[in-house]
Full PDB file with SEQRES, HELIX, SHEET, SSBOND, CRYST1, ORIGX, SCALE, CONECT and MASTER records, all heavy atoms in Angstrom:
SEQRES   1 A   43  MET PHE VAL ILE VAL GLN THR ASP LEU THR VAL GLU ASP          
SEQRES   2 A   43  ALA ALA LYS PHE TYR ASP GLU THR LEU SER LYS LEU GLY          
SEQRES   3 A   43  TRP THR SER ASP GLU SER SER SER ASN SER PHE GLY ASP          
SEQRES   4 A   43  MET SER SER LEU                                              
HELIX    1 AA1 VAL A   11  LYS A   24  1                                  14    
HELIX    2 AA2 GLU A   31  SER A   33  5                                   3    
SHEET    1 AA1 2 ASN A  35  PHE A  37  0                                        
SHEET    2 AA1 2 MET A  40  SER A  42 -1                                        
CRYST1    1.000    1.000    1.000  90.00  90.00  90.00 P 1           1          
ORIGX1      1.000000  0.000000  0.000000        0.00000                         
ORIGX2      0.000000  1.000000  0.000000        0.00000                         
ORIGX3      0.000000  0.000000  1.000000        0.00000                         
SCALE1      1.000000  0.000000  0.000000        0.00000                         
SCALE2      0.000000  1.000000  0.000000        0.00000                         
SCALE3      0.000000  0.000000  1.000000        0.00000                         
ATOM      1  N   MET A   1      20.980  22.513 -53.537  1.00  0.00           N  
ATOM      2  CA  MET A   1      21.097  21.214 -54.197  1.00  0.00           C  
ATOM      3  C   MET A   1      22.545  20.706 -54.200  1.00  0.00           C  
ATOM      4  O   MET A   1      22.930  19.904 -55.035  1.00  0.00           O  
ATOM      5  CB  MET A   1      20.595  21.334 -55.646  1.00  0.00           C  
ATOM      6  CG  MET A   1      19.176  21.833 -55.778  1.00  0.00           C  
ATOM      7  SD  MET A   1      17.951  20.621 -55.290  1.00  0.00           S  
ATOM      8  CE  MET A   1      17.879  19.639 -56.763  1.00  0.00           C  
ATOM      9  N   PHE A   2      23.350  21.174 -53.241  1.00  0.00           N  
ATOM     10  CA  PHE A   2      24.775  20.841 -53.186  1.00  0.00           C  
ATOM     11  C   PHE A   2      25.124  20.364 -51.782  1.00  0.00           C  
ATOM     12  O   PHE A   2      24.670  20.936 -50.792  1.00  0.00           O  
ATOM     13  CB  PHE A   2      25.588  22.098 -53.528  1.00  0.00           C  
ATOM     14  CG  PHE A   2      27.070  21.879 -53.535  1.00  0.00           C  
ATOM     15  CD1 PHE A   2      27.694  21.264 -54.606  1.00  0.00           C  
ATOM     16  CD2 PHE A   2      27.848  22.308 -52.478  1.00  0.00           C  
ATOM     17  CE1 PHE A   2      29.070  21.068 -54.621  1.00  0.00           C  
ATOM     18  CE2 PHE A   2      29.217  22.122 -52.480  1.00  0.00           C  
ATOM     19  CZ  PHE A   2      29.827  21.499 -53.560  1.00  0.00           C  
ATOM     20  N   VAL A   3      25.937  19.317 -51.687  1.00  0.00           N  
ATOM     21  CA  VAL A   3      26.344  18.796 -50.383  1.00  0.00           C  
ATOM     22  C   VAL A   3      27.778  18.271 -50.467  1.00  0.00           C  
ATOM     23  O   VAL A   3      28.210  17.777 -51.504  1.00  0.00           O  
ATOM     24  CB  VAL A   3      25.374  17.688 -49.895  1.00  0.00           C  
ATOM     25  CG1 VAL A   3      25.441  16.463 -50.775  1.00  0.00           C  
ATOM     26  CG2 VAL A   3      25.630  17.327 -48.447  1.00  0.00           C  
ATOM     27  N   ILE A   4      28.510  18.418 -49.362  1.00  0.00           N  
ATOM     28  CA  ILE A   4      29.854  17.851 -49.238  1.00  0.00           C  
ATOM     29  C   ILE A   4      29.878  17.019 -47.960  1.00  0.00           C  
ATOM     30  O   ILE A   4      29.493  17.503 -46.890  1.00  0.00           O  
ATOM     31  CB  ILE A   4      30.947  18.936 -49.146  1.00  0.00           C  
ATOM     32  CG1 ILE A   4      30.952  19.818 -50.398  1.00  0.00           C  
ATOM     33  CG2 ILE A   4      32.327  18.297 -48.932  1.00  0.00           C  
ATOM     34  CD1 ILE A   4      31.905  20.996 -50.305  1.00  0.00           C  
ATOM     35  N   VAL A   5      30.323  15.765 -48.077  1.00  0.00           N  
ATOM     36  CA  VAL A   5      30.479  14.891 -46.920  1.00  0.00           C  
ATOM     37  C   VAL A   5      31.862  14.256 -46.950  1.00  0.00           C  
ATOM     38  O   VAL A   5      32.511  14.201 -47.996  1.00  0.00           O  
ATOM     39  CB  VAL A   5      29.391  13.783 -46.855  1.00  0.00           C  
ATOM     40  CG1 VAL A   5      28.006  14.392 -46.701  1.00  0.00           C  
ATOM     41  CG2 VAL A   5      29.448  12.882 -48.060  1.00  0.00           C  
ATOM     42  N   GLN A   6      32.305  13.783 -45.785  1.00  0.00           N  
ATOM     43  CA  GLN A   6      33.562  13.034 -45.689  1.00  0.00           C  
ATOM     44  C   GLN A   6      33.259  11.656 -45.144  1.00  0.00           C  
ATOM     45  O   GLN A   6      32.355  11.476 -44.336  1.00  0.00           O  
ATOM     46  CB  GLN A   6      34.551  13.731 -44.758  1.00  0.00           C  
ATOM     47  CG  GLN A   6      35.335  14.823 -45.415  1.00  0.00           C  
ATOM     48  CD  GLN A   6      36.477  15.313 -44.542  1.00  0.00           C  
ATOM     49  OE1 GLN A   6      36.477  15.141 -43.330  1.00  0.00           O  
ATOM     50  NE2 GLN A   6      37.451  15.935 -45.163  1.00  0.00           N  
ATOM     51  N   THR A   7      34.042  10.678 -45.600  1.00  0.00           N  
ATOM     52  CA  THR A   7      33.868   9.301 -45.166  1.00  0.00           C  
ATOM     53  C   THR A   7      35.230   8.629 -45.032  1.00  0.00           C  
ATOM     54  O   THR A   7      36.220   9.084 -45.614  1.00  0.00           O  
ATOM     55  CB  THR A   7      32.980   8.522 -46.163  1.00  0.00           C  
ATOM     56  OG1 THR A   7      32.821   7.166 -45.702  1.00  0.00           O  
ATOM     57  CG2 THR A   7      33.580   8.502 -47.558  1.00  0.00           C  
ATOM     58  N   ASP A   8      35.241   7.525 -44.283  1.00  0.00           N  
ATOM     59  CA  ASP A   8      36.460   6.729 -44.156  1.00  0.00           C  
ATOM     60  C   ASP A   8      36.599   5.721 -45.295  1.00  0.00           C  
ATOM     61  O   ASP A   8      37.631   5.059 -45.418  1.00  0.00           O  
ATOM     62  CB  ASP A   8      36.473   5.990 -42.812  1.00  0.00           C  
ATOM     63  CG  ASP A   8      36.692   6.931 -41.631  1.00  0.00           C  
ATOM     64  OD1 ASP A   8      37.390   7.953 -41.805  1.00  0.00           O  
ATOM     65  OD2 ASP A   8      36.152   6.658 -40.542  1.00  0.00           O  
ATOM     66  N   LEU A   9      35.550   5.589 -46.135  1.00  0.00           N  
ATOM     67  CA  LEU A   9      35.632   4.671 -47.274  1.00  0.00           C  
ATOM     68  C   LEU A   9      36.719   5.128 -48.237  1.00  0.00           C  
ATOM     69  O   LEU A   9      37.011   6.315 -48.331  1.00  0.00           O  
ATOM     70  CB  LEU A   9      34.301   4.643 -48.030  1.00  0.00           C  
ATOM     71  CG  LEU A   9      33.083   4.056 -47.331  1.00  0.00           C  
ATOM     72  CD1 LEU A   9      31.850   4.212 -48.220  1.00  0.00           C  
ATOM     73  CD2 LEU A   9      33.314   2.598 -46.989  1.00  0.00           C  
ATOM     74  N   THR A  10      37.280   4.200 -48.984  1.00  0.00           N  
ATOM     75  CA  THR A  10      38.206   4.564 -50.051  1.00  0.00           C  
ATOM     76  C   THR A  10      37.401   5.206 -51.184  1.00  0.00           C  
ATOM     77  O   THR A  10      36.171   5.072 -51.244  1.00  0.00           O  
ATOM     78  CB  THR A  10      38.934   3.324 -50.608  1.00  0.00           C  
ATOM     79  OG1 THR A  10      37.963   2.465 -51.219  1.00  0.00           O  
ATOM     80  CG2 THR A  10      39.705   2.582 -49.522  1.00  0.00           C  
ATOM     81  N   VAL A  11      38.089   5.881 -52.087  1.00  0.00           N  
ATOM     82  CA  VAL A  11      37.418   6.479 -53.241  1.00  0.00           C  
ATOM     83  C   VAL A  11      36.679   5.394 -54.024  1.00  0.00           C  
ATOM     84  O   VAL A  11      35.513   5.558 -54.405  1.00  0.00           O  
ATOM     85  CB  VAL A  11      38.435   7.225 -54.140  1.00  0.00           C  
ATOM     86  CG1 VAL A  11      37.805   7.627 -55.462  1.00  0.00           C  
ATOM     87  CG2 VAL A  11      38.997   8.436 -53.419  1.00  0.00           C  
ATOM     88  N   GLU A  12      37.324   4.271 -54.248  1.00  0.00           N  
ATOM     89  CA  GLU A  12      36.723   3.163 -54.990  1.00  0.00           C  
ATOM     90  C   GLU A  12      35.470   2.633 -54.297  1.00  0.00           C  
ATOM     91  O   GLU A  12      34.436   2.408 -54.935  1.00  0.00           O  
ATOM     92  CB  GLU A  12      37.750   2.038 -55.161  1.00  0.00           C  
ATOM     93  CG  GLU A  12      37.238   0.873 -55.973  1.00  0.00           C  
ATOM     94  CD  GLU A  12      38.290  -0.211 -56.146  1.00  0.00           C  
ATOM     95  OE1 GLU A  12      39.480   0.119 -56.319  1.00  0.00           O  
ATOM     96  OE2 GLU A  12      37.915  -1.390 -56.111  1.00  0.00           O  
ATOM     97  N   ASP A  13      35.545   2.428 -52.976  1.00  0.00           N  
ATOM     98  CA  ASP A  13      34.392   1.915 -52.233  1.00  0.00           C  
ATOM     99  C   ASP A  13      33.250   2.932 -52.186  1.00  0.00           C  
ATOM    100  O   ASP A  13      32.076   2.555 -52.241  1.00  0.00           O  
ATOM    101  CB  ASP A  13      34.791   1.500 -50.821  1.00  0.00           C  
ATOM    102  CG  ASP A  13      35.593   0.207 -50.798  1.00  0.00           C  
ATOM    103  OD1 ASP A  13      35.578  -0.539 -51.797  1.00  0.00           O  
ATOM    104  OD2 ASP A  13      36.258  -0.053 -49.768  1.00  0.00           O  
ATOM    105  N   ALA A  14      33.571   4.213 -52.077  1.00  0.00           N  
ATOM    106  CA  ALA A  14      32.538   5.248 -52.072  1.00  0.00           C  
ATOM    107  C   ALA A  14      31.836   5.294 -53.432  1.00  0.00           C  
ATOM    108  O   ALA A  14      30.605   5.402 -53.505  1.00  0.00           O  
ATOM    109  CB  ALA A  14      33.135   6.607 -51.728  1.00  0.00           C  
ATOM    110  N   ALA A  15      32.602   5.195 -54.520  1.00  0.00           N  
ATOM    111  CA  ALA A  15      32.007   5.192 -55.863  1.00  0.00           C  
ATOM    112  C   ALA A  15      31.087   3.988 -56.033  1.00  0.00           C  
ATOM    113  O   ALA A  15      29.976   4.107 -56.571  1.00  0.00           O  
ATOM    114  CB  ALA A  15      33.104   5.190 -56.926  1.00  0.00           C  
ATOM    115  N   LYS A  16      31.517   2.836 -55.559  1.00  0.00           N  
ATOM    116  CA  LYS A  16      30.703   1.627 -55.633  1.00  0.00           C  
ATOM    117  C   LYS A  16      29.424   1.800 -54.819  1.00  0.00           C  
ATOM    118  O   LYS A  16      28.333   1.430 -55.265  1.00  0.00           O  
ATOM    119  CB  LYS A  16      31.502   0.421 -55.125  1.00  0.00           C  
ATOM    120  CG  LYS A  16      30.775  -0.889 -55.241  1.00  0.00           C  
ATOM    121  CD  LYS A  16      31.658  -2.033 -54.782  1.00  0.00           C  
ATOM    122  CE  LYS A  16      30.906  -3.347 -54.829  1.00  0.00           C  
ATOM    123  NZ  LYS A  16      31.712  -4.470 -54.354  1.00  0.00           N  
ATOM    124  N   PHE A  17      29.533   2.401 -53.624  1.00  0.00           N  
ATOM    125  CA  PHE A  17      28.372   2.646 -52.775  1.00  0.00           C  
ATOM    126  C   PHE A  17      27.344   3.506 -53.508  1.00  0.00           C  
ATOM    127  O   PHE A  17      26.162   3.176 -53.561  1.00  0.00           O  
ATOM    128  CB  PHE A  17      28.795   3.340 -51.473  1.00  0.00           C  
ATOM    129  CG  PHE A  17      27.629   3.890 -50.692  1.00  0.00           C  
ATOM    130  CD1 PHE A  17      26.896   3.061 -49.863  1.00  0.00           C  
ATOM    131  CD2 PHE A  17      27.257   5.219 -50.805  1.00  0.00           C  
ATOM    132  CE1 PHE A  17      25.800   3.558 -49.161  1.00  0.00           C  
ATOM    133  CE2 PHE A  17      26.177   5.725 -50.099  1.00  0.00           C  
ATOM    134  CZ  PHE A  17      25.442   4.888 -49.280  1.00  0.00           C  
ATOM    135  N   TYR A  18      27.773   4.626 -54.089  1.00  0.00           N  
ATOM    136  CA  TYR A  18      26.840   5.518 -54.776  1.00  0.00           C  
ATOM    137  C   TYR A  18      26.252   4.872 -56.019  1.00  0.00           C  
ATOM    138  O   TYR A  18      25.057   5.021 -56.291  1.00  0.00           O  
ATOM    139  CB  TYR A  18      27.497   6.863 -55.097  1.00  0.00           C  
ATOM    140  CG  TYR A  18      27.500   7.758 -53.892  1.00  0.00           C  
ATOM    141  CD1 TYR A  18      28.618   7.843 -53.076  1.00  0.00           C  
ATOM    142  CD2 TYR A  18      26.371   8.478 -53.532  1.00  0.00           C  
ATOM    143  CE1 TYR A  18      28.606   8.629 -51.945  1.00  0.00           C  
ATOM    144  CE2 TYR A  18      26.356   9.271 -52.401  1.00  0.00           C  
ATOM    145  CZ  TYR A  18      27.477   9.346 -51.605  1.00  0.00           C  
ATOM    146  OH  TYR A  18      27.460  10.114 -50.476  1.00  0.00           O  
ATOM    147  N   ASP A  19      27.055   4.145 -56.776  1.00  0.00           N  
ATOM    148  CA  ASP A  19      26.563   3.472 -57.969  1.00  0.00           C  
ATOM    149  C   ASP A  19      25.462   2.473 -57.605  1.00  0.00           C  
ATOM    150  O   ASP A  19      24.388   2.465 -58.214  1.00  0.00           O  
ATOM    151  CB  ASP A  19      27.715   2.795 -58.701  1.00  0.00           C  
ATOM    152  CG  ASP A  19      27.350   2.401 -60.112  1.00  0.00           C  
ATOM    153  OD1 ASP A  19      26.641   3.176 -60.787  1.00  0.00           O  
ATOM    154  OD2 ASP A  19      27.776   1.321 -60.548  1.00  0.00           O  
ATOM    155  N   GLU A  20      25.709   1.644 -56.599  1.00  0.00           N  
ATOM    156  CA  GLU A  20      24.741   0.626 -56.197  1.00  0.00           C  
ATOM    157  C   GLU A  20      23.505   1.243 -55.541  1.00  0.00           C  
ATOM    158  O   GLU A  20      22.376   0.877 -55.857  1.00  0.00           O  
ATOM    159  CB  GLU A  20      25.394  -0.380 -55.243  1.00  0.00           C  
ATOM    160  CG  GLU A  20      26.431  -1.253 -55.919  1.00  0.00           C  
ATOM    161  CD  GLU A  20      27.164  -2.157 -54.951  1.00  0.00           C  
ATOM    162  OE1 GLU A  20      26.926  -2.077 -53.719  1.00  0.00           O  
ATOM    163  OE2 GLU A  20      28.000  -2.945 -55.429  1.00  0.00           O  
ATOM    164  N   THR A  21      23.715   2.185 -54.624  1.00  0.00           N  
ATOM    165  CA  THR A  21      22.604   2.773 -53.871  1.00  0.00           C  
ATOM    166  C   THR A  21      21.701   3.604 -54.767  1.00  0.00           C  
ATOM    167  O   THR A  21      20.471   3.478 -54.714  1.00  0.00           O  
ATOM    168  CB  THR A  21      23.141   3.635 -52.712  1.00  0.00           C  
ATOM    169  OG1 THR A  21      23.951   2.811 -51.856  1.00  0.00           O  
ATOM    170  CG2 THR A  21      22.002   4.227 -51.901  1.00  0.00           C  
ATOM    171  N   LEU A  22      22.284   4.452 -55.611  1.00  0.00           N  
ATOM    172  CA  LEU A  22      21.463   5.293 -56.475  1.00  0.00           C  
ATOM    173  C   LEU A  22      20.721   4.461 -57.518  1.00  0.00           C  
ATOM    174  O   LEU A  22      19.577   4.767 -57.860  1.00  0.00           O  
ATOM    175  CB  LEU A  22      22.313   6.382 -57.123  1.00  0.00           C  
ATOM    176  CG  LEU A  22      22.817   7.445 -56.147  1.00  0.00           C  
ATOM    177  CD1 LEU A  22      23.816   8.376 -56.830  1.00  0.00           C  
ATOM    178  CD2 LEU A  22      21.664   8.238 -55.556  1.00  0.00           C  
ATOM    179  N   SER A  23      21.340   3.393 -57.994  1.00  0.00           N  
ATOM    180  CA  SER A  23      20.683   2.498 -58.942  1.00  0.00           C  
ATOM    181  C   SER A  23      19.428   1.889 -58.313  1.00  0.00           C  
ATOM    182  O   SER A  23      18.363   1.825 -58.939  1.00  0.00           O  
ATOM    183  CB  SER A  23      21.647   1.407 -59.385  1.00  0.00           C  
ATOM    184  OG  SER A  23      21.004   0.503 -60.249  1.00  0.00           O  
ATOM    185  N   LYS A  24      19.539   1.467 -57.064  1.00  0.00           N  
ATOM    186  CA  LYS A  24      18.394   0.888 -56.340  1.00  0.00           C  
ATOM    187  C   LYS A  24      17.287   1.922 -56.133  1.00  0.00           C  
ATOM    188  O   LYS A  24      16.122   1.565 -55.997  1.00  0.00           O  
ATOM    189  CB  LYS A  24      18.833   0.344 -54.983  1.00  0.00           C  
ATOM    190  CG  LYS A  24      19.676  -0.907 -55.073  1.00  0.00           C  
ATOM    191  CD  LYS A  24      20.136  -1.349 -53.708  1.00  0.00           C  
ATOM    192  CE  LYS A  24      21.099  -2.507 -53.796  1.00  0.00           C  
ATOM    193  NZ  LYS A  24      21.666  -2.867 -52.480  1.00  0.00           N  
ATOM    194  N   LEU A  25      17.642   3.205 -56.104  1.00  0.00           N  
ATOM    195  CA  LEU A  25      16.672   4.280 -55.894  1.00  0.00           C  
ATOM    196  C   LEU A  25      16.102   4.821 -57.210  1.00  0.00           C  
ATOM    197  O   LEU A  25      15.399   5.834 -57.222  1.00  0.00           O  
ATOM    198  CB  LEU A  25      17.312   5.416 -55.096  1.00  0.00           C  
ATOM    199  CG  LEU A  25      17.707   5.062 -53.658  1.00  0.00           C  
ATOM    200  CD1 LEU A  25      18.489   6.200 -53.024  1.00  0.00           C  
ATOM    201  CD2 LEU A  25      16.467   4.731 -52.835  1.00  0.00           C  
ATOM    202  N   GLY A  26      16.430   4.152 -58.328  1.00  0.00           N  
ATOM    203  CA  GLY A  26      15.853   4.514 -59.608  1.00  0.00           C  
ATOM    204  C   GLY A  26      16.656   5.497 -60.445  1.00  0.00           C  
ATOM    205  O   GLY A  26      16.202   5.947 -61.490  1.00  0.00           O  
ATOM    206  N   TRP A  27      17.870   5.828 -60.001  1.00  0.00           N  
ATOM    207  CA  TRP A  27      18.741   6.720 -60.780  1.00  0.00           C  
ATOM    208  C   TRP A  27      19.439   5.900 -61.852  1.00  0.00           C  
ATOM    209  O   TRP A  27      19.819   4.757 -61.634  1.00  0.00           O  
ATOM    210  CB  TRP A  27      19.780   7.387 -59.878  1.00  0.00           C  
ATOM    211  CG  TRP A  27      19.199   8.396 -58.950  1.00  0.00           C  
ATOM    212  CD1 TRP A  27      18.655   8.163 -57.716  1.00  0.00           C  
ATOM    213  CD2 TRP A  27      19.092   9.803 -59.174  1.00  0.00           C  
ATOM    214  NE1 TRP A  27      18.221   9.344 -57.177  1.00  0.00           N  
ATOM    215  CE2 TRP A  27      18.479  10.365 -58.040  1.00  0.00           C  
ATOM    216  CE3 TRP A  27      19.455  10.640 -60.222  1.00  0.00           C  
ATOM    217  CZ2 TRP A  27      18.223  11.731 -57.928  1.00  0.00           C  
ATOM    218  CZ3 TRP A  27      19.208  11.995 -60.114  1.00  0.00           C  
ATOM    219  CH2 TRP A  27      18.589  12.525 -58.984  1.00  0.00           C  
ATOM    220  N   THR A  28      19.642   6.493 -63.024  1.00  0.00           N  
ATOM    221  CA  THR A  28      20.336   5.841 -64.131  1.00  0.00           C  
ATOM    222  C   THR A  28      21.731   6.428 -64.259  1.00  0.00           C  
ATOM    223  O   THR A  28      21.898   7.648 -64.346  1.00  0.00           O  
ATOM    224  CB  THR A  28      19.568   6.064 -65.456  1.00  0.00           C  
ATOM    225  OG1 THR A  28      18.249   5.535 -65.307  1.00  0.00           O  
ATOM    226  CG2 THR A  28      20.274   5.369 -66.609  1.00  0.00           C  
ATOM    227  N   SER A  29      22.724   5.564 -64.247  1.00  0.00           N  
ATOM    228  CA  SER A  29      24.110   6.005 -64.385  1.00  0.00           C  
ATOM    229  C   SER A  29      24.369   6.447 -65.823  1.00  0.00           C  
ATOM    230  O   SER A  29      23.969   5.774 -66.770  1.00  0.00           O  
ATOM    231  CB  SER A  29      25.060   4.861 -64.019  1.00  0.00           C  
ATOM    232  OG  SER A  29      26.399   5.238 -64.228  1.00  0.00           O  
ATOM    233  N   ASP A  30      25.018   7.583 -65.980  1.00  0.00           N  
ATOM    234  CA  ASP A  30      25.420   8.078 -67.292  1.00  0.00           C  
ATOM    235  C   ASP A  30      26.892   7.721 -67.472  1.00  0.00           C  
ATOM    236  O   ASP A  30      27.775   8.476 -67.091  1.00  0.00           O  
ATOM    237  CB  ASP A  30      25.207   9.592 -67.381  1.00  0.00           C  
ATOM    238  CG  ASP A  30      25.568  10.159 -68.738  1.00  0.00           C  
ATOM    239  OD1 ASP A  30      26.079   9.403 -69.597  1.00  0.00           O  
ATOM    240  OD2 ASP A  30      25.364  11.368 -68.940  1.00  0.00           O  
ATOM    241  N   GLU A  31      27.121   6.536 -68.038  1.00  0.00           N  
ATOM    242  CA  GLU A  31      28.488   6.023 -68.172  1.00  0.00           C  
ATOM    243  C   GLU A  31      29.393   6.946 -68.979  1.00  0.00           C  
ATOM    244  O   GLU A  31      30.578   7.060 -68.713  1.00  0.00           O  
ATOM    245  CB  GLU A  31      28.470   4.630 -68.801  1.00  0.00           C  
ATOM    246  CG  GLU A  31      27.750   3.574 -67.978  1.00  0.00           C  
ATOM    247  CD  GLU A  31      28.442   3.269 -66.663  1.00  0.00           C  
ATOM    248  OE1 GLU A  31      29.687   3.320 -66.602  1.00  0.00           O  
ATOM    249  OE2 GLU A  31      27.724   2.979 -65.693  1.00  0.00           O  
ATOM    250  N   SER A  32      28.828   7.649 -69.969  1.00  0.00           N  
ATOM    251  CA  SER A  32      29.649   8.513 -70.814  1.00  0.00           C  
ATOM    252  C   SER A  32      30.154   9.749 -70.056  1.00  0.00           C  
ATOM    253  O   SER A  32      31.128  10.367 -70.464  1.00  0.00           O  
ATOM    254  CB  SER A  32      28.870   8.952 -72.054  1.00  0.00           C  
ATOM    255  OG  SER A  32      27.774   9.776 -71.706  1.00  0.00           O  
ATOM    256  N   SER A  33      29.496  10.101 -68.959  1.00  0.00           N  
ATOM    257  CA  SER A  33      29.919  11.264 -68.168  1.00  0.00           C  
ATOM    258  C   SER A  33      30.596  10.863 -66.870  1.00  0.00           C  
ATOM    259  O   SER A  33      30.907  11.715 -66.040  1.00  0.00           O  
ATOM    260  CB  SER A  33      28.704  12.149 -67.857  1.00  0.00           C  
ATOM    261  OG  SER A  33      28.175  12.681 -69.039  1.00  0.00           O  
ATOM    262  N   SER A  34      30.802   9.571 -66.655  1.00  0.00           N  
ATOM    263  CA  SER A  34      31.431   9.076 -65.437  1.00  0.00           C  
ATOM    264  C   SER A  34      32.860   8.639 -65.729  1.00  0.00           C  
ATOM    265  O   SER A  34      33.114   7.974 -66.731  1.00  0.00           O  
ATOM    266  CB  SER A  34      30.635   7.895 -64.864  1.00  0.00           C  
ATOM    267  OG  SER A  34      29.326   8.289 -64.522  1.00  0.00           O  
ATOM    268  N   ASN A  35      33.793   9.047 -64.856  1.00  0.00           N  
ATOM    269  CA  ASN A  35      35.209   8.712 -65.035  1.00  0.00           C  
ATOM    270  C   ASN A  35      35.856   8.410 -63.699  1.00  0.00           C  
ATOM    271  O   ASN A  35      35.458   8.960 -62.678  1.00  0.00           O  
ATOM    272  CB  ASN A  35      35.968   9.905 -65.651  1.00  0.00           C  
ATOM    273  CG  ASN A  35      35.449  10.274 -67.010  1.00  0.00           C  
ATOM    274  OD1 ASN A  35      35.537   9.485 -67.927  1.00  0.00           O  
ATOM    275  ND2 ASN A  35      34.897  11.468 -67.133  1.00  0.00           N  
ATOM    276  N   SER A  36      36.864   7.570 -63.727  1.00  0.00           N  
ATOM    277  CA  SER A  36      37.681   7.303 -62.547  1.00  0.00           C  
ATOM    278  C   SER A  36      39.137   7.385 -62.955  1.00  0.00           C  
ATOM    279  O   SER A  36      39.526   6.862 -63.998  1.00  0.00           O  
ATOM    280  CB  SER A  36      37.390   5.909 -61.985  1.00  0.00           C  
ATOM    281  OG  SER A  36      36.106   5.856 -61.424  1.00  0.00           O  
ATOM    282  N   PHE A  37      39.927   8.072 -62.124  1.00  0.00           N  
ATOM    283  CA  PHE A  37      41.356   8.174 -62.396  1.00  0.00           C  
ATOM    284  C   PHE A  37      42.071   8.405 -61.079  1.00  0.00           C  
ATOM    285  O   PHE A  37      41.795   9.368 -60.376  1.00  0.00           O  
ATOM    286  CB  PHE A  37      41.666   9.296 -63.400  1.00  0.00           C  
ATOM    287  CG  PHE A  37      40.746  10.483 -63.306  1.00  0.00           C  
ATOM    288  CD1 PHE A  37      41.072  11.569 -62.513  1.00  0.00           C  
ATOM    289  CD2 PHE A  37      39.552  10.492 -63.993  1.00  0.00           C  
ATOM    290  CE1 PHE A  37      40.212  12.652 -62.420  1.00  0.00           C  
ATOM    291  CE2 PHE A  37      38.687  11.579 -63.892  1.00  0.00           C  
ATOM    292  CZ  PHE A  37      39.019  12.652 -63.115  1.00  0.00           C  
ATOM    293  N   GLY A  38      42.935   7.453 -60.730  1.00  0.00           N  
ATOM    294  CA  GLY A  38      43.695   7.561 -59.484  1.00  0.00           C  
ATOM    295  C   GLY A  38      42.782   7.649 -58.278  1.00  0.00           C  
ATOM    296  O   GLY A  38      41.886   6.837 -58.108  1.00  0.00           O  
ATOM    297  N   ASP A  39      43.021   8.661 -57.442  1.00  0.00           N  
ATOM    298  CA  ASP A  39      42.237   8.861 -56.224  1.00  0.00           C  
ATOM    299  C   ASP A  39      41.070   9.810 -56.455  1.00  0.00           C  
ATOM    300  O   ASP A  39      40.725  10.615 -55.590  1.00  0.00           O  
ATOM    301  CB  ASP A  39      43.132   9.397 -55.102  1.00  0.00           C  
ATOM    302  CG  ASP A  39      43.978   8.315 -54.463  1.00  0.00           C  
ATOM    303  OD1 ASP A  39      43.609   7.125 -54.574  1.00  0.00           O  
ATOM    304  OD2 ASP A  39      45.001   8.648 -53.853  1.00  0.00           O  
ATOM    305  N   MET A  40      40.420   9.702 -57.630  1.00  0.00           N  
ATOM    306  CA  MET A  40      39.284  10.560 -57.929  1.00  0.00           C  
ATOM    307  C   MET A  40      38.291   9.828 -58.829  1.00  0.00           C  
ATOM    308  O   MET A  40      38.684   9.124 -59.749  1.00  0.00           O  
ATOM    309  CB  MET A  40      39.743  11.848 -58.605  1.00  0.00           C  
ATOM    310  CG  MET A  40      38.624  12.825 -58.882  1.00  0.00           C  
ATOM    311  SD  MET A  40      39.230  14.352 -59.646  1.00  0.00           S  
ATOM    312  CE  MET A  40      40.031  15.114 -58.243  1.00  0.00           C  
ATOM    313  N   SER A  41      37.008   9.996 -58.538  1.00  0.00           N  
ATOM    314  CA  SER A  41      35.948   9.455 -59.385  1.00  0.00           C  
ATOM    315  C   SER A  41      34.906  10.532 -59.601  1.00  0.00           C  
ATOM    316  O   SER A  41      34.563  11.270 -58.679  1.00  0.00           O  
ATOM    317  CB  SER A  41      35.266   8.249 -58.730  1.00  0.00           C  
ATOM    318  OG  SER A  41      36.064   7.111 -58.820  1.00  0.00           O  
ATOM    319  N   SER A  42      34.419  10.618 -60.811  1.00  0.00           N  
ATOM    320  CA  SER A  42      33.356  11.544 -61.168  1.00  0.00           C  
ATOM    321  C   SER A  42      32.203  10.710 -61.719  1.00  0.00           C  
ATOM    322  O   SER A  42      32.369   9.999 -62.705  1.00  0.00           O  
ATOM    323  CB  SER A  42      33.856  12.530 -62.228  1.00  0.00           C  
ATOM    324  OG  SER A  42      32.801  13.341 -62.676  1.00  0.00           O  
ATOM    325  N   LEU A  43      31.062  10.765 -61.043  1.00  0.00           N  
ATOM    326  CA  LEU A  43      29.904   9.968 -61.430  1.00  0.00           C  
ATOM    327  C   LEU A  43      28.761  10.882 -61.838  1.00  0.00           C  
ATOM    328  O   LEU A  43      28.607  11.971 -61.283  1.00  0.00           O  
ATOM    329  CB  LEU A  43      29.448   9.086 -60.265  1.00  0.00           C  
ATOM    330  CG  LEU A  43      30.519   8.220 -59.597  1.00  0.00           C  
ATOM    331  CD1 LEU A  43      29.952   7.534 -58.367  1.00  0.00           C  
ATOM    332  CD2 LEU A  43      31.071   7.209 -60.578  1.00  0.00           C  
TER     333      LEU A  43                                                      
MASTER        0    0    0    2    2    0    0    6  332    1    0    4          
END                                                                             
C-alpha cells in the first residue's frame, strides 16, 4: 500500500493535482492533518 513516484511538477502543483484528483474520486481531504511548508507538503 506504499508507492514513491517522481515528477517534474513543482511541490505546489503536485499538491494541487492530488487534492483535485482525489476529491473527484470521492476522497475527503483531512485539512487538520494536511500541511504545507516550503518545498514540502503533507496531505
